[in-house]
Each structure stands twice: as structure tokens, then as C-alpha cells.
């Protein structure tokens, strides 16, 4: 049994997004679309976007190196399956993921910009 599944072979959707993403990355169960893109204005804040083919979800991670925030959104694309989209992100998924990143930024910018 994989760390990504329960006894019914279903993805562990009950766990927090950050935990689920860490498990996906460890198991090589996700597609890396963008990793550690620095913000133009605040380069210490970086954005990563991953695709989870089993659940057809997009994971967006914002981090400043100390604080990490992860949220998910359902992919807007059903066909072709995400597993067949390994060479690039679909335009609709791009809009969804970067829209989510903007909303996350607005919600979490105060903590992401804190100096430690």
C-alpha cells in the first residue's frame, strides 16, 4: 500500500494540502509545472505549482523559506487526463493556478513578508 492511498486505494484527501503535497512529491506522484518562481517585487517569496494526476488537482505552494502555504484547486481540464499533460500546463489550468496564487498572496502576504 502506498503512502498516498488508504486501504481503499483512494488518495488521502482528508489530510491538509501541505501534507498531501509533500507525500506526492516524495512518491513522485505529481507533475512539477513550476517550481520556486520568485515574485518580481518580493523575490524571497516563491511560488510552485504541481499537478496531481490521480485527483486531477492543482497544488499551489507559496513560501518565503520559513513559512509555507499550500492550497489546491480542481483542474479545469478533464481531457486529456493530467497524466498525459506532463510536458506543460494547459492554459485553463494556468489561469486557475495563478488565480489561486493571487488569492493566496492576498490572504497570506502579511506573514510571508515578515522578517525573521
N, C-alpha and C. Protein backbone atom coordinates (compact mmCIF):
# COMPACT_ATOMS: atom_id res chain seq x y z
N UNK A 1 0.84 -1.17 0.00
CA UNK A 1 0.00 0.00 0.00
C UNK A 1 0.90 1.24 0.00
N UNK A 2 0.61 2.18 -0.84
CA UNK A 2 1.36 3.41 -0.99
C UNK A 2 1.02 4.38 0.14
N UNK A 3 1.96 5.29 0.43
CA UNK A 3 1.71 6.34 1.42
C UNK A 3 0.64 7.30 0.94
N UNK A 4 0.34 7.29 -0.35
CA UNK A 4 -0.64 8.21 -0.92
C UNK A 4 -2.05 7.65 -0.89
N UNK A 5 -2.21 6.44 -0.46
CA UNK A 5 -3.53 5.82 -0.54
C UNK A 5 -3.92 5.23 0.80
N UNK A 6 -5.23 5.05 0.96
CA UNK A 6 -5.69 4.33 2.14
C UNK A 6 -6.03 2.92 1.71
N UNK A 7 -6.68 2.17 2.57
CA UNK A 7 -6.95 0.77 2.25
C UNK A 7 -7.87 0.60 1.06
N UNK A 8 -8.60 1.64 0.69
CA UNK A 8 -9.49 1.57 -0.48
C UNK A 8 -8.80 2.08 -1.74
N UNK A 9 -7.50 2.33 -1.68
CA UNK A 9 -6.73 2.85 -2.80
C UNK A 9 -7.24 4.20 -3.27
N UNK A 10 -7.72 5.02 -2.35
CA UNK A 10 -8.17 6.37 -2.66
C UNK A 10 -7.12 7.35 -2.15
N UNK A 11 -6.90 8.44 -2.87
CA UNK A 11 -5.93 9.44 -2.39
C UNK A 11 -6.34 9.96 -1.01
N UNK A 12 -5.35 10.32 -0.21
CA UNK A 12 -5.57 10.79 1.14
C UNK A 12 -6.08 12.23 1.13
N UNK A 13 -7.34 12.41 0.73
CA UNK A 13 -7.91 13.74 0.59
C UNK A 13 -8.26 14.39 1.93
N UNK A 14 -8.24 13.63 3.02
CA UNK A 14 -8.55 14.19 4.33
C UNK A 14 -7.39 14.93 4.96
N UNK A 15 -6.18 14.70 4.50
CA UNK A 15 -5.00 15.35 5.08
C UNK A 15 -4.90 16.79 4.58
N UNK A 16 -4.22 17.66 5.33
CA UNK A 16 -4.00 19.03 4.88
C UNK A 16 -3.24 19.05 3.54
N UNK A 17 -3.48 20.09 2.75
CA UNK A 17 -2.87 20.19 1.43
C UNK A 17 -1.35 20.12 1.49
N UNK A 18 -0.74 20.74 2.48
CA UNK A 18 0.72 20.73 2.60
C UNK A 18 1.25 19.32 2.81
N UNK A 19 0.56 18.54 3.61
CA UNK A 19 0.95 17.15 3.88
C UNK A 19 0.76 16.31 2.61
N UNK A 20 -0.38 16.48 1.96
CA UNK A 20 -0.66 15.73 0.74
C UNK A 20 0.39 16.03 -0.34
N UNK A 21 0.74 17.31 -0.49
CA UNK A 21 1.74 17.68 -1.49
C UNK A 21 3.09 17.06 -1.15
N UNK A 22 3.50 17.11 0.10
CA UNK A 22 4.78 16.51 0.49
C UNK A 22 4.80 15.02 0.16
N UNK A 23 3.69 14.34 0.42
CA UNK A 23 3.61 12.91 0.11
C UNK A 23 3.69 12.67 -1.40
N UNK A 24 2.99 13.50 -2.16
CA UNK A 24 3.03 13.36 -3.63
C UNK A 24 4.44 13.57 -4.17
N UNK A 25 5.11 14.60 -3.68
CA UNK A 25 6.48 14.88 -4.14
C UNK A 25 7.40 13.73 -3.77
N UNK A 26 7.30 13.25 -2.54
CA UNK A 26 8.15 12.15 -2.09
C UNK A 26 7.93 10.90 -2.94
N UNK A 27 6.69 10.62 -3.28
CA UNK A 27 6.36 9.41 -4.05
C UNK A 27 6.47 9.62 -5.56
N UNK A 28 6.91 10.82 -5.96
CA UNK A 28 6.97 11.18 -7.39
C UNK A 28 5.61 10.96 -8.05
N UNK A 29 4.56 11.37 -7.32
CA UNK A 29 3.19 11.20 -7.80
C UNK A 29 2.57 12.48 -8.30
N UNK A 30 3.41 13.47 -8.63
CA UNK A 30 2.86 14.73 -9.14
C UNK A 30 3.72 15.23 -10.30
N UNK A 31 3.12 16.13 -11.04
CA UNK A 31 3.81 16.78 -12.16
C UNK A 31 4.27 18.14 -11.67
N UNK A 32 5.52 18.45 -11.87
CA UNK A 32 6.05 19.77 -11.50
C UNK A 32 5.84 20.70 -12.69
N UNK A 33 4.92 21.65 -12.54
CA UNK A 33 4.68 22.62 -13.61
C UNK A 33 5.58 23.84 -13.46
N UNK A 34 5.67 24.36 -12.25
CA UNK A 34 6.54 25.49 -11.94
C UNK A 34 7.08 25.26 -10.54
N UNK A 35 8.36 25.55 -10.35
CA UNK A 35 8.93 25.34 -9.03
C UNK A 35 9.80 26.52 -8.64
N UNK A 36 9.51 27.08 -7.48
CA UNK A 36 10.28 28.16 -6.87
C UNK A 36 10.42 29.39 -7.78
N UNK A 37 9.32 29.83 -8.36
CA UNK A 37 9.33 31.07 -9.15
C UNK A 37 9.36 32.24 -8.17
N UNK A 38 10.39 33.10 -8.23
CA UNK A 38 10.43 34.24 -7.31
C UNK A 38 9.44 35.32 -7.74
N UNK A 39 8.82 35.95 -6.76
CA UNK A 39 7.95 37.09 -7.02
C UNK A 39 8.82 38.24 -7.53
N UNK A 40 8.29 39.01 -8.47
CA UNK A 40 9.07 40.13 -9.04
C UNK A 40 9.38 41.19 -8.00
N UNK A 41 8.40 41.49 -7.16
CA UNK A 41 8.57 42.56 -6.18
C UNK A 41 9.20 42.07 -4.87
N UNK A 42 8.90 40.82 -4.50
CA UNK A 42 9.41 40.24 -3.25
C UNK A 42 10.07 38.90 -3.58
N UNK A 43 11.31 38.91 -4.06
CA UNK A 43 11.94 37.67 -4.52
C UNK A 43 12.13 36.60 -3.45
N UNK A 44 12.02 36.97 -2.18
CA UNK A 44 12.12 35.97 -1.12
C UNK A 44 10.87 35.10 -1.06
N UNK A 45 9.79 35.55 -1.69
CA UNK A 45 8.55 34.77 -1.76
C UNK A 45 8.55 34.03 -3.09
N UNK A 46 8.37 32.73 -3.01
CA UNK A 46 8.44 31.88 -4.20
C UNK A 46 7.16 31.08 -4.36
N UNK A 47 6.82 30.83 -5.61
CA UNK A 47 5.60 30.11 -5.94
C UNK A 47 5.94 28.83 -6.70
N UNK A 48 5.29 27.74 -6.33
CA UNK A 48 5.44 26.48 -7.04
C UNK A 48 4.04 25.96 -7.37
N UNK A 49 3.92 25.31 -8.54
CA UNK A 49 2.65 24.74 -8.96
C UNK A 49 2.88 23.30 -9.41
N UNK A 50 2.05 22.41 -8.87
CA UNK A 50 2.16 20.98 -9.16
C UNK A 50 0.79 20.45 -9.59
N UNK A 51 0.80 19.41 -10.38
CA UNK A 51 -0.42 18.73 -10.77
C UNK A 51 -0.45 17.33 -10.18
N UNK A 52 -1.62 16.92 -9.69
CA UNK A 52 -1.80 15.59 -9.12
C UNK A 52 -2.71 14.79 -10.05
N UNK A 53 -2.14 13.94 -10.90
CA UNK A 53 -2.96 13.21 -11.87
C UNK A 53 -4.05 12.33 -11.27
N UNK A 54 -3.79 11.70 -10.11
CA UNK A 54 -4.79 10.80 -9.52
C UNK A 54 -6.06 11.52 -9.11
N UNK A 55 -5.93 12.77 -8.67
CA UNK A 55 -7.09 13.52 -8.19
C UNK A 55 -7.47 14.67 -9.12
N UNK A 56 -6.70 14.90 -10.17
CA UNK A 56 -6.92 15.99 -11.13
C UNK A 56 -6.95 17.35 -10.42
N UNK A 57 -6.03 17.50 -9.45
CA UNK A 57 -5.92 18.74 -8.68
C UNK A 57 -4.65 19.49 -9.04
N UNK A 58 -4.70 20.78 -8.82
CA UNK A 58 -3.53 21.64 -8.90
C UNK A 58 -3.16 22.03 -7.48
N UNK A 59 -1.90 21.92 -7.13
CA UNK A 59 -1.40 22.35 -5.83
C UNK A 59 -0.58 23.61 -6.06
N UNK A 60 -0.84 24.64 -5.27
CA UNK A 60 -0.08 25.88 -5.33
C UNK A 60 0.58 26.07 -3.97
N UNK A 61 1.89 26.28 -4.02
CA UNK A 61 2.65 26.48 -2.78
C UNK A 61 3.33 27.85 -2.83
N UNK A 62 3.11 28.66 -1.80
CA UNK A 62 3.83 29.92 -1.62
C UNK A 62 4.71 29.76 -0.39
N UNK A 63 5.96 30.21 -0.49
CA UNK A 63 6.87 30.09 0.65
C UNK A 63 7.87 31.24 0.65
N UNK A 64 8.31 31.59 1.85
CA UNK A 64 9.41 32.54 1.99
C UNK A 64 10.64 31.83 2.55
N UNK A 65 10.60 30.52 2.58
CA UNK A 65 11.69 29.71 3.12
C UNK A 65 11.45 29.26 4.54
N UNK A 66 10.67 30.03 5.28
CA UNK A 66 10.34 29.67 6.65
C UNK A 66 8.86 29.35 6.81
N UNK A 67 8.04 30.10 6.13
CA UNK A 67 6.59 29.91 6.17
C UNK A 67 6.14 29.39 4.82
N UNK A 68 5.33 28.34 4.84
CA UNK A 68 4.82 27.75 3.60
C UNK A 68 3.31 27.63 3.69
N UNK A 69 2.65 28.01 2.60
CA UNK A 69 1.20 27.91 2.50
C UNK A 69 0.90 27.10 1.24
N UNK A 70 0.05 26.09 1.36
CA UNK A 70 -0.32 25.24 0.22
C UNK A 70 -1.84 25.18 0.14
N UNK A 71 -2.36 25.37 -1.06
CA UNK A 71 -3.79 25.21 -1.30
C UNK A 71 -3.97 24.45 -2.61
N UNK A 72 -5.17 23.92 -2.80
CA UNK A 72 -5.46 23.15 -4.01
C UNK A 72 -6.67 23.71 -4.73
N UNK A 73 -6.73 23.38 -6.01
CA UNK A 73 -7.89 23.70 -6.84
C UNK A 73 -8.07 22.55 -7.82
N UNK A 74 -9.29 22.29 -8.17
CA UNK A 74 -9.56 21.25 -9.16
C UNK A 74 -9.12 21.76 -10.53
N UNK A 75 -8.48 20.90 -11.30
CA UNK A 75 -8.09 21.25 -12.66
C UNK A 75 -9.34 21.55 -13.47
N UNK A 76 -9.24 22.49 -14.36
CA UNK A 76 -10.36 22.83 -15.23
C UNK A 76 -10.42 21.96 -16.47
N UNK A 77 -9.48 21.03 -16.59
CA UNK A 77 -9.37 20.21 -17.80
C UNK A 77 -9.64 18.75 -17.45
N UNK A 78 -10.55 18.14 -18.16
CA UNK A 78 -10.83 16.72 -17.96
C UNK A 78 -10.18 15.86 -19.04
N UNK A 79 -10.00 16.42 -20.23
CA UNK A 79 -9.40 15.67 -21.32
C UNK A 79 -8.42 16.56 -22.05
N UNK A 80 -7.22 16.12 -22.33
CA UNK A 80 -6.67 14.83 -21.96
C UNK A 80 -6.41 14.76 -20.46
N UNK A 81 -6.33 13.53 -19.93
CA UNK A 81 -6.06 13.39 -18.50
C UNK A 81 -4.75 14.07 -18.11
N UNK A 82 -4.67 14.51 -16.86
CA UNK A 82 -3.48 15.22 -16.40
C UNK A 82 -2.21 14.39 -16.60
N UNK A 83 -2.31 13.10 -16.45
CA UNK A 83 -1.13 12.24 -16.63
C UNK A 83 -0.55 12.36 -18.03
N UNK A 84 -1.37 12.76 -19.00
CA UNK A 84 -0.91 12.94 -20.38
C UNK A 84 -0.46 14.36 -20.66
N UNK A 85 -0.51 15.22 -19.64
CA UNK A 85 -0.13 16.64 -19.81
C UNK A 85 1.20 16.93 -19.11
N UNK A 86 2.14 16.00 -19.20
CA UNK A 86 3.39 16.13 -18.45
C UNK A 86 4.36 17.13 -19.07
N UNK A 87 4.11 17.56 -20.29
CA UNK A 87 5.06 18.45 -20.95
C UNK A 87 4.67 19.92 -20.84
N UNK A 88 3.64 20.22 -20.10
CA UNK A 88 3.26 21.61 -19.92
C UNK A 88 1.87 21.74 -19.35
N UNK A 89 1.64 22.88 -18.78
CA UNK A 89 0.36 23.16 -18.16
C UNK A 89 -0.61 23.70 -19.20
N UNK A 90 -1.84 23.22 -19.15
CA UNK A 90 -2.90 23.71 -20.01
C UNK A 90 -3.20 25.17 -19.66
N UNK A 91 -3.65 25.94 -20.62
CA UNK A 91 -3.94 27.36 -20.41
C UNK A 91 -4.98 27.56 -19.31
N UNK A 92 -6.03 26.76 -19.31
CA UNK A 92 -7.06 26.88 -18.28
C UNK A 92 -6.48 26.57 -16.90
N UNK A 93 -5.67 25.53 -16.79
CA UNK A 93 -5.03 25.22 -15.51
C UNK A 93 -4.10 26.34 -15.08
N UNK A 94 -3.42 26.95 -16.03
CA UNK A 94 -2.53 28.08 -15.74
C UNK A 94 -3.34 29.22 -15.11
N UNK A 95 -4.48 29.53 -15.69
CA UNK A 95 -5.33 30.60 -15.16
C UNK A 95 -5.83 30.25 -13.76
N UNK A 96 -6.26 29.02 -13.57
CA UNK A 96 -6.77 28.58 -12.27
C UNK A 96 -5.66 28.65 -11.22
N UNK A 97 -4.49 28.10 -11.53
CA UNK A 97 -3.39 28.03 -10.56
C UNK A 97 -2.88 29.42 -10.21
N UNK A 98 -2.66 30.27 -11.19
CA UNK A 98 -2.14 31.60 -10.89
C UNK A 98 -3.20 32.49 -10.26
N UNK A 99 -4.47 32.24 -10.56
CA UNK A 99 -5.55 32.94 -9.86
C UNK A 99 -5.57 32.56 -8.40
N UNK A 100 -5.40 31.25 -8.13
CA UNK A 100 -5.33 30.78 -6.74
C UNK A 100 -4.12 31.38 -6.05
N UNK A 101 -2.99 31.44 -6.72
CA UNK A 101 -1.78 32.03 -6.14
C UNK A 101 -2.01 33.49 -5.76
N UNK A 102 -2.71 34.23 -6.60
CA UNK A 102 -3.03 35.63 -6.29
C UNK A 102 -3.92 35.75 -5.06
N UNK A 103 -4.93 34.89 -4.97
CA UNK A 103 -5.82 34.91 -3.80
C UNK A 103 -5.05 34.52 -2.54
N UNK A 104 -4.17 33.53 -2.67
CA UNK A 104 -3.35 33.12 -1.53
C UNK A 104 -2.45 34.26 -1.08
N UNK A 105 -1.86 34.97 -2.04
CA UNK A 105 -0.99 36.10 -1.74
C UNK A 105 -1.76 37.16 -0.95
N UNK A 106 -2.96 37.49 -1.41
CA UNK A 106 -3.76 38.50 -0.71
C UNK A 106 -4.08 38.06 0.71
N UNK A 107 -4.33 36.79 0.90
CA UNK A 107 -4.68 36.27 2.22
C UNK A 107 -3.47 36.17 3.15
N UNK A 108 -2.31 35.79 2.61
CA UNK A 108 -1.15 35.42 3.45
C UNK A 108 0.04 36.35 3.30
N UNK A 109 -0.09 37.47 2.58
CA UNK A 109 1.09 38.30 2.33
C UNK A 109 1.71 38.86 3.60
N UNK A 110 0.92 39.15 4.59
CA UNK A 110 1.48 39.71 5.84
C UNK A 110 2.47 38.74 6.48
N UNK A 111 2.10 37.47 6.56
CA UNK A 111 3.02 36.51 7.18
C UNK A 111 4.17 36.14 6.25
N UNK A 112 3.94 36.13 4.95
CA UNK A 112 5.02 35.80 4.02
C UNK A 112 6.06 36.89 3.94
N UNK A 113 5.70 38.12 4.26
CA UNK A 113 6.65 39.24 4.21
C UNK A 113 7.30 39.54 5.54
N UNK A 114 6.91 38.82 6.58
CA UNK A 114 7.54 39.03 7.90
C UNK A 114 9.03 38.76 7.83
N UNK A 115 9.76 39.62 8.50
CA UNK A 115 11.22 39.41 8.60
C UNK A 115 11.48 38.57 9.84
N UNK A 116 12.41 37.61 9.70
CA UNK A 116 12.72 36.75 10.84
C UNK A 116 14.17 36.89 11.22
